[in-house]
């Protein structure tokens, strides 16, 4: 996956004490994406817009909103989170990802 002719925001997005970081990329069409890395740990995130997360390296377990089920994802797979929701994610080794908004 590659993105051409994009704008990249210089300031990193840093979460959970620096264990999750990402950079914002804006495409020529105005789409916002983040390219990020998560270190091992369990994290909780809230969403405003719908998000689709492509796992590009590693694997994780995800529990969306108030569901009781954890689903597993690995490199090459994606999962979606609805707007105005939240999710928990467990990472056992380095996770590289692309998040698409909207």
PDB file of N, CA and C in Angstrom:
ATOM      1  N   UNK A   1       0.845  -1.158   0.000  1.00  0.00           N
ATOM      2  CA  UNK A   1       0.000   0.000   0.000  1.00  0.00           C
ATOM      3  C   UNK A   1       0.897   1.228   0.000  1.00  0.00           C
ATOM      4  N   UNK A   2       0.601   2.165  -0.879  1.00  0.00           N
ATOM      5  CA  UNK A   2       1.343   3.422  -0.890  1.00  0.00           C
ATOM      6  C   UNK A   2       0.388   4.568  -1.190  1.00  0.00           C
ATOM      7  N   UNK A   3       0.782   5.767  -0.779  1.00  0.00           N
ATOM      8  CA  UNK A   3      -0.010   6.966  -1.001  1.00  0.00           C
ATOM      9  C   UNK A   3       0.888   7.979  -1.695  1.00  0.00           C
ATOM     10  N   UNK A   4       0.414   8.551  -2.808  1.00  0.00           N
ATOM     11  CA  UNK A   4       1.216   9.507  -3.574  1.00  0.00           C
ATOM     12  C   UNK A   4       0.681  10.915  -3.392  1.00  0.00           C
ATOM     13  N   UNK A   5       1.604  11.879  -3.463  1.00  0.00           N
ATOM     14  CA  UNK A   5       1.263  13.303  -3.412  1.00  0.00           C
ATOM     15  C   UNK A   5       0.411  13.651  -2.201  1.00  0.00           C
ATOM     16  N   UNK A   6       0.844  13.230  -1.028  1.00  0.00           N
ATOM     17  CA  UNK A   6       0.065  13.462   0.188  1.00  0.00           C
ATOM     18  C   UNK A   6       0.698  14.561   1.032  1.00  0.00           C
ATOM     19  N   UNK A   7      -0.118  15.108   1.943  1.00  0.00           N
ATOM     20  CA  UNK A   7       0.366  16.030   2.961  1.00  0.00           C
ATOM     21  C   UNK A   7       0.548  15.217   4.235  1.00  0.00           C
ATOM     22  N   UNK A   8       1.678  15.402   4.902  1.00  0.00           N
ATOM     23  CA  UNK A   8       1.947  14.681   6.146  1.00  0.00           C
ATOM     24  C   UNK A   8       2.092  15.710   7.262  1.00  0.00           C
ATOM     25  N   UNK A   9       1.315  15.541   8.318  1.00  0.00           N
ATOM     26  CA  UNK A   9       1.416  16.417   9.479  1.00  0.00           C
ATOM     27  C   UNK A   9       2.692  16.066  10.241  1.00  0.00           C
ATOM     28  N   UNK A  10       3.489  17.058  10.564  1.00  0.00           N
ATOM     29  CA  UNK A  10       4.782  16.823  11.209  1.00  0.00           C
ATOM     30  C   UNK A  10       4.658  16.303  12.635  1.00  0.00           C
ATOM     31  N   UNK A  11       3.686  16.811  13.372  1.00  0.00           N
ATOM     32  CA  UNK A  11       3.565  16.424  14.780  1.00  0.00           C
ATOM     33  C   UNK A  11       2.933  15.045  14.906  1.00  0.00           C
ATOM     34  N   UNK A  12       3.570  14.203  15.680  1.00  0.00           N
ATOM     35  CA  UNK A  12       3.061  12.847  15.895  1.00  0.00           C
ATOM     36  C   UNK A  12       1.840  12.867  16.811  1.00  0.00           C
ATOM     37  N   UNK A  13       0.963  11.908  16.612  1.00  0.00           N
ATOM     38  CA  UNK A  13      -0.135  11.631  17.539  1.00  0.00           C
ATOM     39  C   UNK A  13       0.424  10.604  18.527  1.00  0.00           C
ATOM     40  N   UNK A  14       0.438  10.939  19.806  1.00  0.00           N
ATOM     41  CA  UNK A  14       1.041  10.068  20.819  1.00  0.00           C
ATOM     42  C   UNK A  14      -0.026   9.714  21.853  1.00  0.00           C
ATOM     43  N   UNK A  15      -0.205   8.416  22.080  1.00  0.00           N
ATOM     44  CA  UNK A  15      -1.215   7.919  23.001  1.00  0.00           C
ATOM     45  C   UNK A  15      -0.585   6.944  23.991  1.00  0.00           C
ATOM     46  N   UNK A  16      -1.250   6.754  25.109  1.00  0.00           N
ATOM     47  CA  UNK A  16      -0.876   5.734  26.099  1.00  0.00           C
ATOM     48  C   UNK A  16       0.614   5.806  26.452  1.00  0.00           C
ATOM     49  N   UNK A  17       1.047   7.009  26.825  1.00  0.00           N
ATOM     50  CA  UNK A  17       2.424   7.179  27.290  1.00  0.00           C
ATOM     51  C   UNK A  17       3.474   6.905  26.243  1.00  0.00           C
ATOM     52  N   UNK A  18       3.139   7.089  24.978  1.00  0.00           N
ATOM     53  CA  UNK A  18       4.092   6.869  23.894  1.00  0.00           C
ATOM     54  C   UNK A  18       4.126   5.449  23.369  1.00  0.00           C
ATOM     55  N   UNK A  19       3.289   4.584  23.894  1.00  0.00           N
ATOM     56  CA  UNK A  19       3.276   3.187  23.439  1.00  0.00           C
ATOM     57  C   UNK A  19       2.519   3.021  22.131  1.00  0.00           C
ATOM     58  N   UNK A  20       1.723   4.044  21.756  1.00  0.00           N
ATOM     59  CA  UNK A  20       1.013   4.065  20.474  1.00  0.00           C
ATOM     60  C   UNK A  20       1.307   5.422  19.840  1.00  0.00           C
ATOM     61  N   UNK A  21       1.848   5.414  18.624  1.00  0.00           N
ATOM     62  CA  UNK A  21       2.116   6.660  17.909  1.00  0.00           C
ATOM     63  C   UNK A  21       1.642   6.530  16.468  1.00  0.00           C
ATOM     64  N   UNK A  22       1.285   7.672  15.890  1.00  0.00           N
ATOM     65  CA  UNK A  22       0.898   7.678  14.479  1.00  0.00           C
ATOM     66  C   UNK A  22       1.188   9.037  13.873  1.00  0.00           C
ATOM     67  N   UNK A  23       1.183   9.090  12.559  1.00  0.00           N
ATOM     68  CA  UNK A  23       1.328  10.324  11.786  1.00  0.00           C
ATOM     69  C   UNK A  23       0.111  10.458  10.896  1.00  0.00           C
ATOM     70  N   UNK A  24      -0.401  11.690  10.811  1.00  0.00           N
ATOM     71  CA  UNK A  24      -1.571  11.965   9.987  1.00  0.00           C
ATOM     72  C   UNK A  24      -1.143  12.259   8.561  1.00  0.00           C
ATOM     73  N   UNK A  25      -1.844  11.611   7.621  1.00  0.00           N
ATOM     74  CA  UNK A  25      -1.612  11.791   6.194  1.00  0.00           C
ATOM     75  C   UNK A  25      -2.930  12.259   5.583  1.00  0.00           C
ATOM     76  N   UNK A  26      -2.863  13.283   4.727  1.00  0.00           N
ATOM     77  CA  UNK A  26      -4.053  13.764   4.039  1.00  0.00           C
ATOM     78  C   UNK A  26      -3.827  13.600   2.544  1.00  0.00           C
ATOM     79  N   UNK A  27      -4.722  12.873   1.890  1.00  0.00           N
ATOM     80  CA  UNK A  27      -4.582  12.589   0.459  1.00  0.00           C
ATOM     81  C   UNK A  27      -4.993  13.812  -0.368  1.00  0.00           C
ATOM     82  N   UNK A  28      -4.642  13.823  -1.657  1.00  0.00           N
ATOM     83  CA  UNK A  28      -5.055  14.933  -2.514  1.00  0.00           C
ATOM     84  C   UNK A  28      -6.580  15.111  -2.556  1.00  0.00           C
ATOM     85  N   UNK A  29      -7.334  14.052  -2.335  1.00  0.00           N
ATOM     86  CA  UNK A  29      -8.793  14.112  -2.314  1.00  0.00           C
ATOM     87  C   UNK A  29      -9.367  14.544  -0.971  1.00  0.00           C
ATOM     88  N   UNK A  30      -8.498  14.837   0.009  1.00  0.00           N
ATOM     89  CA  UNK A  30      -8.950  15.292   1.321  1.00  0.00           C
ATOM     90  C   UNK A  30      -9.210  14.187   2.328  1.00  0.00           C
ATOM     91  N   UNK A  31      -8.924  12.932   1.971  1.00  0.00           N
ATOM     92  CA  UNK A  31      -9.118  11.829   2.915  1.00  0.00           C
ATOM     93  C   UNK A  31      -8.038  11.873   3.995  1.00  0.00           C
ATOM     94  N   UNK A  32      -8.428  11.661   5.257  1.00  0.00           N
ATOM     95  CA  UNK A  32      -7.470  11.628   6.343  1.00  0.00           C
ATOM     96  C   UNK A  32      -7.207  10.178   6.744  1.00  0.00           C
ATOM     97  N   UNK A  33      -5.917   9.885   6.922  1.00  0.00           N
ATOM     98  CA  UNK A  33      -5.490   8.565   7.351  1.00  0.00           C
ATOM     99  C   UNK A  33      -4.393   8.754   8.386  1.00  0.00           C
ATOM    100  N   UNK A  34      -4.179   7.739   9.201  1.00  0.00           N
ATOM    101  CA  UNK A  34      -3.008   7.756  10.065  1.00  0.00           C
ATOM    102  C   UNK A  34      -2.212   6.482   9.821  1.00  0.00           C
ATOM    103  N   UNK A  35      -0.899   6.616   9.889  1.00  0.00           N
ATOM    104  CA  UNK A  35       0.028   5.493   9.787  1.00  0.00           C
ATOM    105  C   UNK A  35       0.643   5.349  11.162  1.00  0.00           C
ATOM    106  N   UNK A  36       0.455   4.192  11.802  1.00  0.00           N
ATOM    107  CA  UNK A  36       0.871   4.096  13.188  1.00  0.00           C
ATOM    108  C   UNK A  36       1.521   2.797  13.588  1.00  0.00           C
ATOM    109  N   UNK A  37       2.007   2.821  14.829  1.00  0.00           N
ATOM    110  CA  UNK A  37       2.663   1.679  15.451  1.00  0.00           C
ATOM    111  C   UNK A  37       2.153   1.558  16.881  1.00  0.00           C
ATOM    112  N   UNK A  38       1.850   0.332  17.297  1.00  0.00           N
ATOM    113  CA  UNK A  38       1.474   0.039  18.679  1.00  0.00           C
ATOM    114  C   UNK A  38       2.482  -0.959  19.243  1.00  0.00           C
ATOM    115  N   UNK A  39       2.996  -0.645  20.415  1.00  0.00           N
ATOM    116  CA  UNK A  39       3.853  -1.581  21.139  1.00  0.00           C
ATOM    117  C   UNK A  39       2.962  -2.545  21.923  1.00  0.00           C
ATOM    118  N   UNK A  40       3.510  -3.662  22.389  1.00  0.00           N
ATOM    119  CA  UNK A  40       2.688  -4.605  23.146  1.00  0.00           C
ATOM    120  C   UNK A  40       1.962  -3.935  24.309  1.00  0.00           C
ATOM    121  N   UNK A  41       0.700  -4.322  24.484  1.00  0.00           N
ATOM    122  CA  UNK A  41      -0.116  -3.777  25.565  1.00  0.00           C
ATOM    123  C   UNK A  41      -1.587  -3.898  25.228  1.00  0.00           C
ATOM    124  N   UNK A  42      -2.431  -3.428  26.143  1.00  0.00           N
ATOM    125  CA  UNK A  42      -3.880  -3.389  25.938  1.00  0.00           C
ATOM    126  C   UNK A  42      -4.297  -1.934  26.002  1.00  0.00           C
ATOM    127  N   UNK A  43      -5.048  -1.484  25.006  1.00  0.00           N
ATOM    128  CA  UNK A  43      -5.403  -0.075  24.871  1.00  0.00           C
ATOM    129  C   UNK A  43      -6.894   0.075  24.605  1.00  0.00           C
ATOM    130  N   UNK A  44      -7.411   1.252  24.968  1.00  0.00           N
ATOM    131  CA  UNK A  44      -8.803   1.592  24.678  1.00  0.00           C
ATOM    132  C   UNK A  44      -8.802   2.914  23.919  1.00  0.00           C
ATOM    133  N   UNK A  45      -9.573   2.958  22.835  1.00  0.00           N
ATOM    134  CA  UNK A  45      -9.700   4.161  22.016  1.00  0.00           C
ATOM    135  C   UNK A  45     -11.173   4.466  21.784  1.00  0.00           C
ATOM    136  N   UNK A  46     -11.484   5.742  21.689  1.00  0.00           N
ATOM    137  CA  UNK A  46     -12.830   6.201  21.331  1.00  0.00           C
ATOM    138  C   UNK A  46     -12.790   6.753  19.914  1.00  0.00           C
ATOM    139  N   UNK A  47     -13.917   6.673  19.214  1.00  0.00           N
ATOM    140  CA  UNK A  47     -14.000   7.180  17.848  1.00  0.00           C
ATOM    141  C   UNK A  47     -15.023   8.301  17.766  1.00  0.00           C
ATOM    142  N   UNK A  48     -14.775   9.217  16.862  1.00  0.00           N
ATOM    143  CA  UNK A  48     -15.768  10.235  16.514  1.00  0.00           C
ATOM    144  C   UNK A  48     -16.336   9.886  15.146  1.00  0.00           C
ATOM    145  N   UNK A  49     -15.445   9.683  14.182  1.00  0.00           N
ATOM    146  CA  UNK A  49     -15.837   9.268  12.831  1.00  0.00           C
ATOM    147  C   UNK A  49     -15.686   7.749  12.732  1.00  0.00           C
ATOM    148  N   UNK A  50     -16.344   7.127  11.749  1.00  0.00           N
ATOM    149  CA  UNK A  50     -16.095   5.702  11.535  1.00  0.00           C
ATOM    150  C   UNK A  50     -14.616   5.487  11.171  1.00  0.00           C
ATOM    151  N   UNK A  51     -14.063   4.376  11.596  1.00  0.00           N
ATOM    152  CA  UNK A  51     -12.666   4.065  11.310  1.00  0.00           C
ATOM    153  C   UNK A  51     -12.551   2.646  10.766  1.00  0.00           C
ATOM    154  N   UNK A  52     -11.667   2.487   9.790  1.00  0.00           N
ATOM    155  CA  UNK A  52     -11.282   1.166   9.312  1.00  0.00           C
ATOM    156  C   UNK A  52      -9.782   1.051   9.513  1.00  0.00           C
ATOM    157  N   UNK A  53      -9.361   0.002  10.191  1.00  0.00           N
ATOM    158  CA  UNK A  53      -7.953  -0.180  10.513  1.00  0.00           C
ATOM    159  C   UNK A  53      -7.417  -1.380   9.746  1.00  0.00           C
ATOM    160  N   UNK A  54      -6.392  -1.121   8.924  1.00  0.00           N
ATOM    161  CA  UNK A  54      -5.691  -2.167   8.182  1.00  0.00           C
ATOM    162  C   UNK A  54      -4.466  -2.565   8.985  1.00  0.00           C
ATOM    163  N   UNK A  55      -4.362  -3.827   9.339  1.00  0.00           N
ATOM    164  CA  UNK A  55      -3.178  -4.332  10.041  1.00  0.00           C
ATOM    165  C   UNK A  55      -2.145  -4.657   8.967  1.00  0.00           C
ATOM    166  N   UNK A  56      -0.988  -3.986   9.024  1.00  0.00           N
ATOM    167  CA  UNK A  56       0.036  -4.204   8.001  1.00  0.00           C
ATOM    168  C   UNK A  56       1.201  -5.050   8.508  1.00  0.00           C
ATOM    169  N   UNK A  57       1.327  -5.159   9.837  1.00  0.00           N
ATOM    170  CA  UNK A  57       2.349  -6.027  10.431  1.00  0.00           C
ATOM    171  C   UNK A  57       1.895  -6.413  11.822  1.00  0.00           C
ATOM    172  N   UNK A  58       2.115  -7.661  12.189  1.00  0.00           N
ATOM    173  CA  UNK A  58       1.764  -8.130  13.524  1.00  0.00           C
ATOM    174  C   UNK A  58       0.353  -8.687  13.579  1.00  0.00           C
ATOM    175  N   UNK A  59      -0.135  -8.850  14.809  1.00  0.00           N
ATOM    176  CA  UNK A  59      -1.496  -9.347  15.015  1.00  0.00           C
ATOM    177  C   UNK A  59      -2.041  -8.750  16.316  1.00  0.00           C
ATOM    178  N   UNK A  60      -3.364  -8.783  16.441  1.00  0.00           N
ATOM    179  CA  UNK A  60      -4.012  -8.191  17.608  1.00  0.00           C
ATOM    180  C   UNK A  60      -5.353  -8.857  17.854  1.00  0.00           C
ATOM    181  N   UNK A  61      -5.892  -8.570  19.034  1.00  0.00           N
ATOM    182  CA  UNK A  61      -7.262  -8.970  19.382  1.00  0.00           C
ATOM    183  C   UNK A  61      -8.023  -7.683  19.624  1.00  0.00           C
ATOM    184  N   UNK A  62      -9.273  -7.629  19.134  1.00  0.00           N
ATOM    185  CA  UNK A  62     -10.069  -6.407  19.217  1.00  0.00           C
ATOM    186  C   UNK A  62     -11.450  -6.727  19.759  1.00  0.00           C
ATOM    187  N   UNK A  63     -11.916  -5.884  20.706  1.00  0.00           N
ATOM    188  CA  UNK A  63     -13.282  -5.974  21.219  1.00  0.00           C
ATOM    189  C   UNK A  63     -13.934  -4.620  20.951  1.00  0.00           C
ATOM    190  N   UNK A  64     -14.973  -4.628  20.117  1.00  0.00           N
ATOM    191  CA  UNK A  64     -15.632  -3.396  19.702  1.00  0.00           C
ATOM    192  C   UNK A  64     -16.774  -3.064  20.651  1.00  0.00           C
ATOM    193  N   UNK A  65     -16.794  -1.792  21.107  1.00  0.00           N
ATOM    194  CA  UNK A  65     -17.847  -1.238  21.974  1.00  0.00           C
ATOM    195  C   UNK A  65     -18.171  -2.200  23.115  1.00  0.00           C
ATOM    196  N   UNK A  66     -19.435  -2.529  23.280  1.00  0.00           N
ATOM    197  CA  UNK A  66     -19.847  -3.348  24.421  1.00  0.00           C
ATOM    198  C   UNK A  66     -19.999  -4.825  24.082  1.00  0.00           C
ATOM    199  N   UNK A  67     -19.449  -5.245  22.955  1.00  0.00           N
ATOM    200  CA  UNK A  67     -19.502  -6.667  22.606  1.00  0.00           C
ATOM    201  C   UNK A  67     -18.636  -7.458  23.577  1.00  0.00           C
ATOM    202  N   UNK A  68     -19.003  -8.683  23.799  1.00  0.00           N
ATOM    203  CA  UNK A  68     -18.261  -9.549  24.715  1.00  0.00           C
ATOM    204  C   UNK A  68     -17.211 -10.394  24.001  1.00  0.00           C
ATOM    205  N   UNK A  69     -17.176 -10.294  22.677  1.00  0.00           N
ATOM    206  CA  UNK A  69     -16.311 -11.161  21.871  1.00  0.00           C
ATOM    207  C   UNK A  69     -15.054 -10.416  21.439  1.00  0.00           C
ATOM    208  N   UNK A  70     -13.918 -11.069  21.588  1.00  0.00           N
ATOM    209  CA  UNK A  70     -12.654 -10.561  21.067  1.00  0.00           C
ATOM    210  C   UNK A  70     -12.425 -11.225  19.720  1.00  0.00           C
ATOM    211  N   UNK A  71     -12.163 -10.444  18.676  1.00  0.00           N
ATOM    212  CA  UNK A  71     -11.844 -10.974  17.350  1.00  0.00           C
ATOM    213  C   UNK A  71     -10.355 -10.784  17.088  1.00  0.00           C
ATOM    214  N   UNK A  72      -9.755 -11.732  16.375  1.00  0.00           N
ATOM    215  CA  UNK A  72      -8.323 -11.667  16.085  1.00  0.00           C
ATOM    216  C   UNK A  72      -8.089 -11.205  14.659  1.00  0.00           C
ATOM    217  N   UNK A  73      -7.042 -10.383  14.491  1.00  0.00           N
ATOM    218  CA  UNK A  73      -6.663  -9.868  13.179  1.00  0.00           C
ATOM    219  C   UNK A  73      -5.155  -9.957  13.039  1.00  0.00           C
ATOM    220  N   UNK A  74      -4.709 -10.167  11.805  1.00  0.00           N
ATOM    221  CA  UNK A  74      -3.281 -10.236  11.530  1.00  0.00           C
ATOM    222  C   UNK A  74      -2.976  -9.440  10.267  1.00  0.00           C
ATOM    223  N   UNK A  75      -1.700  -9.339   9.944  1.00  0.00           N
ATOM    224  CA  UNK A  75      -1.272  -8.581   8.766  1.00  0.00           C
ATOM    225  C   UNK A  75      -2.097  -8.996   7.550  1.00  0.00           C
ATOM    226  N   UNK A  76      -2.583  -7.995   6.814  1.00  0.00           N
ATOM    227  CA  UNK A  76      -3.400  -8.241   5.630  1.00  0.00           C
ATOM    228  C   UNK A  76      -4.893  -8.196   5.906  1.00  0.00           C
ATOM    229  N   UNK A  77      -5.289  -8.098   7.176  1.00  0.00           N
ATOM    230  CA  UNK A  77      -6.706  -8.036   7.525  1.00  0.00           C
ATOM    231  C   UNK A  77      -7.069  -6.647   8.045  1.00  0.00           C
ATOM    232  N   UNK A  78      -8.372  -6.346   8.039  1.00  0.00           N
ATOM    233  CA  UNK A  78      -8.884  -5.055   8.486  1.00  0.00           C
ATOM    234  C   UNK A  78     -10.079  -5.255   9.405  1.00  0.00           C
ATOM    235  N   UNK A  79     -10.346  -4.228  10.225  1.00  0.00           N
ATOM    236  CA  UNK A  79     -11.568  -4.212  11.022  1.00  0.00           C
ATOM    237  C   UNK A  79     -12.106  -2.793  11.045  1.00  0.00           C
ATOM    238  N   UNK A  80     -13.409  -2.664  11.268  1.00  0.00           N
ATOM    239  CA  UNK A  80     -14.071  -1.362  11.244  1.00  0.00           C
ATOM    240  C   UNK A  80     -14.730  -1.069  12.585  1.00  0.00           C
ATOM    241  N   UNK A  81     -14.671   0.197  12.963  1.00  0.00           N
ATOM    242  CA  UNK A  81     -15.261   0.678  14.200  1.00  0.00           C
ATOM    243  C   UNK A  81     -16.284   1.749  13.839  1.00  0.00           C
ATOM    244  N   UNK A  82     -17.509   1.682  14.361  1.00  0.00           N
ATOM    245  CA  UNK A  82     -18.503   2.712  14.043  1.00  0.00           C
ATOM    246  C   UNK A  82     -18.149   4.060  14.676  1.00  0.00           C
ATOM    247  N   UNK A  83     -18.766   5.118  14.159  1.00  0.00           N
ATOM    248  CA  UNK A  83     -18.592   6.460  14.721  1.00  0.00           C
ATOM    249  C   UNK A  83     -19.164   6.515  16.135  1.00  0.00           C
ATOM    250  N   UNK A  84     -18.629   7.424  16.932  1.00  0.00           N
ATOM    251  CA  UNK A  84     -19.109   7.652  18.299  1.00  0.00           C
ATOM    252  C   UNK A  84     -19.172   6.360  19.110  1.00  0.00           C
ATOM    253  N   UNK A  85     -18.086   5.600  19.045  1.00  0.00           N
ATOM    254  CA  UNK A  85     -18.015   4.307  19.700  1.00  0.00           C
ATOM    255  C   UNK A  85     -16.655   4.200  20.399  1.00  0.00           C
ATOM    256  N   UNK A  86     -16.283   2.996  20.759  1.00  0.00           N
ATOM    257  CA  UNK A  86     -14.964   2.746  21.325  1.00  0.00           C
ATOM    258  C   UNK A  86     -14.582   1.299  21.067  1.00  0.00           C
ATOM    259  N   UNK A  87     -13.299   1.019  21.269  1.00  0.00           N
ATOM    260  CA  UNK A  87     -12.829  -0.356  21.132  1.00  0.00           C
ATOM    261  C   UNK A  87     -11.616  -0.566  22.020  1.00  0.00           C
ATOM    262  N   UNK A  88     -11.382  -1.822  22.371  1.00  0.00           N
ATOM    263  CA  UNK A  88     -10.189  -2.229  23.094  1.00  0.00           C
ATOM    264  C   UNK A  88      -9.358  -3.068  22.151  1.00  0.00           C
ATOM    265  N   UNK A  89      -8.054  -2.927  22.261  1.00  0.00           N
ATOM    266  CA  UNK A  89      -7.159  -3.694  21.402  1.00  0.00           C
ATOM    267  C   UNK A  89      -6.014  -4.245  22.240  1.00  0.00           C
ATOM    268  N   UNK A  90      -5.729  -5.532  22.069  1.00  0.00           N
ATOM    269  CA  UNK A  90      -4.606  -6.202  22.740  1.00  0.00           C
ATOM    270  C   UNK A  90      -3.553  -6.502  21.693  1.00  0.00           C
ATOM    271  N   UNK A  91      -2.328  -6.094  21.963  1.00  0.00           N
ATOM    272  CA  UNK A  91      -1.217  -6.278  21.030  1.00  0.00           C
ATOM    273  C   UNK A  91      -0.137  -7.077  21.746  1.00  0.00           C
ATOM    274  N   UNK A  92       0.301  -8.189  21.161  1.00  0.00           N
ATOM    275  CA  UNK A  92       1.324  -9.038  21.783  1.00  0.00           C
ATOM    276  C   UNK A  92       2.729  -8.732  21.292  1.00  0.00           C
ATOM    277  N   UNK A  93       2.839  -8.240  20.053  1.00  0.00           N
ATOM    278  CA  UNK A  93       4.124  -7.827  19.507  1.00  0.00           C
ATOM    279  C   UNK A  93       3.878  -6.572  18.677  1.00  0.00           C
ATOM    280  N   UNK A  94       4.894  -5.997  18.120  1.00  0.00           N
ATOM    281  CA  UNK A  94       4.748  -4.747  17.380  1.00  0.00           C
ATOM    282  C   UNK A  94       3.638  -4.842  16.342  1.00  0.00           C
ATOM    283  N   UNK A  95       2.729  -3.858  16.362  1.00  0.00           N
ATOM    284  CA  UNK A  95       1.623  -3.808  15.400  1.00  0.00           C
ATOM    285  C   UNK A  95       1.788  -2.548  14.569  1.00  0.00           C
ATOM    286  N   UNK A  96       1.833  -2.703  13.267  1.00  0.00           N
ATOM    287  CA  UNK A  96       1.905  -1.594  12.320  1.00  0.00           C
ATOM    288  C   UNK A  96       0.539  -1.518  11.648  1.00  0.00           C
ATOM    289  N   UNK A  97       0.015  -0.290  11.482  1.00  0.00           N
ATOM    290  CA  UNK A  97      -1.348  -0.186  10.953  1.00  0.00           C
ATOM    291  C   UNK A  97      -1.558   1.090  10.156  1.00  0.00           C
ATOM    292  N   UNK A  98      -2.624   1.073   9.352  1.00  0.00           N
ATOM    293  CA  UNK A  98      -3.131   2.257   8.655  1.00  0.00           C
ATOM    294  C   UNK A  98      -4.588   2.413   9.076  1.00  0.00           C
ATOM    295  N   UNK A  99      -4.936   3.612   9.540  1.00  0.00           N
ATOM    296  CA  UNK A  99      -6.328   3.886   9.936  1.00  0.00           C
ATOM    297  C   UNK A  99      -6.951   4.850   8.931  1.00  0.00           C
ATOM    298  N   UNK A 100      -8.091   4.458   8.382  1.00  0.00           N
ATOM    299  CA  UNK A 100      -8.833   5.267   7.428  1.00  0.00           C
ATOM    300  C   UNK A 100     -10.049   5.837   8.164  1.00  0.00           C
ATOM    301  N   UNK A 101     -10.292   7.138   8.019  1.00  0.00           N
ATOM    302  CA  UNK A 101     -11.398   7.810   8.708  1.00  0.00           C
ATOM    303  C   UNK A 101     -12.535   8.118   7.726  1.00  0.00           C
ATOM    304  N   UNK A 102     -13.763   8.003   8.238  1.00  0.00           N
ATOM    305  CA  UNK A 102     -14.927   8.380   7.422  1.00  0.00           C
ATOM    306  C   UNK A 102     -15.577   7.227   6.724  1.00  0.00           C
TER     307      UNK A 102
END
